[in-house]
Amino acid sequence: LTPKEYDLLLLLIENKNIVLSRDTILDRVWGMDFDGDSRVVDTHIRKLRSKLGTESHYIRTVIRTGYKFEGDNHG
């Protein structure tokens, strides 16, 4: 994983089952000074899912809101 992909995955895992908006993800991973488009989050999510392969289902898209890491409730 690239450093940004790692930071993104870590943020999602640390906030398991909590929907994070694109703006929140941008602030926490790219920083408050980031001056790009929020679609950069979508691009990184797509790359991250590709690298996760069969485990990519844990990253859920919440339409018009953002993303969340959805783990099981068994532990």
Protein backbone atom coordinates (compact mmCIF):
# COMPACT_ATOMS: atom_id res chain seq x y z
CA LEU A 1 0.00 0.00 0.00
CA THR A 2 1.05 3.58 -0.54
CA PRO A 3 1.33 5.74 2.59
CA LYS A 4 -2.02 7.46 1.81
CA GLU A 5 -3.75 4.11 1.18
CA TYR A 6 -2.39 2.83 4.48
CA ASP A 7 -3.53 5.96 6.34
CA LEU A 8 -6.96 5.69 4.71
CA LEU A 9 -7.35 2.02 5.64
CA LEU A 10 -6.18 2.69 9.19
CA LEU A 11 -8.68 5.55 9.57
CA LEU A 12 -11.52 3.35 8.34
CA ILE A 13 -10.55 0.46 10.63
CA GLU A 14 -10.16 2.75 13.67
CA ASN A 15 -13.70 4.01 12.99
CA LYS A 16 -15.20 0.59 12.29
CA ASN A 17 -18.93 0.69 11.49
CA ILE A 18 -18.93 4.52 11.52
CA VAL A 19 -19.71 6.34 8.28
CA LEU A 20 -17.02 8.89 7.46
CA SER A 21 -17.78 11.65 4.99
CA ARG A 22 -15.38 12.43 2.17
CA ASP A 23 -14.61 15.77 3.84
CA THR A 24 -13.76 14.06 7.13
CA ILE A 25 -11.53 11.59 5.33
CA LEU A 26 -9.82 14.41 3.44
CA ASP A 27 -9.18 16.35 6.66
CA ARG A 28 -7.86 13.33 8.57
CA VAL A 29 -5.77 11.71 5.81
CA TRP A 30 -4.75 14.60 3.53
CA GLY A 31 -4.89 17.41 6.08
CA MET A 32 -6.84 20.63 6.46
CA ASP A 33 -4.63 22.40 3.92
CA PHE A 34 -5.48 20.00 1.07
CA ASP A 35 -6.73 22.04 -1.85
CA GLY A 36 -7.84 19.28 -4.22
CA ASP A 37 -11.13 17.66 -5.11
CA SER A 38 -12.92 15.28 -2.71
CA ARG A 39 -13.01 12.73 -5.56
CA VAL A 40 -9.41 11.92 -4.63
CA VAL A 41 -10.96 9.91 -1.79
CA ASP A 42 -12.99 7.85 -4.28
CA THR A 43 -9.88 7.19 -6.35
CA HIS A 44 -7.92 6.00 -3.33
CA ILE A 45 -10.82 3.84 -2.12
CA ARG A 46 -10.97 2.19 -5.55
CA LYS A 47 -7.20 1.49 -5.52
CA LEU A 48 -7.38 0.23 -1.94
CA ARG A 49 -10.24 -2.14 -2.74
CA SER A 50 -8.31 -3.45 -5.71
CA LYS A 51 -5.29 -4.20 -3.54
CA LEU A 52 -7.41 -5.82 -0.82
CA GLY A 53 -8.85 -8.27 -3.33
CA THR A 54 -11.26 -10.72 -1.71
CA GLU A 55 -11.25 -8.64 1.49
CA SER A 56 -12.42 -5.47 -0.28
CA HIS A 57 -16.03 -6.10 0.80
CA TYR A 58 -15.23 -4.68 4.23
CA ILE A 59 -15.10 -1.17 2.77
CA ARG A 60 -18.68 -0.06 2.18
CA THR A 61 -19.85 2.91 0.15
CA VAL A 62 -22.62 4.91 1.80
CA ILE A 63 -24.32 6.67 -1.09
CA ARG A 64 -24.07 10.48 -1.02
CA THR A 65 -22.32 10.31 2.35
CA GLY A 66 -18.95 8.57 2.36
CA TYR A 67 -17.41 5.29 3.38
CA LYS A 68 -17.16 2.93 6.31
CA PHE A 69 -15.25 -0.18 7.30
CA GLU A 70 -17.91 -2.74 8.10
CA GLY A 71 -16.62 -5.59 10.21
CA ASP A 72 -18.48 -8.45 11.75
CA ASN A 73 -19.79 -8.15 15.28
CA HIS A 74 -18.18 -11.38 16.48
CA GLY A 75 -15.04 -9.91 17.87
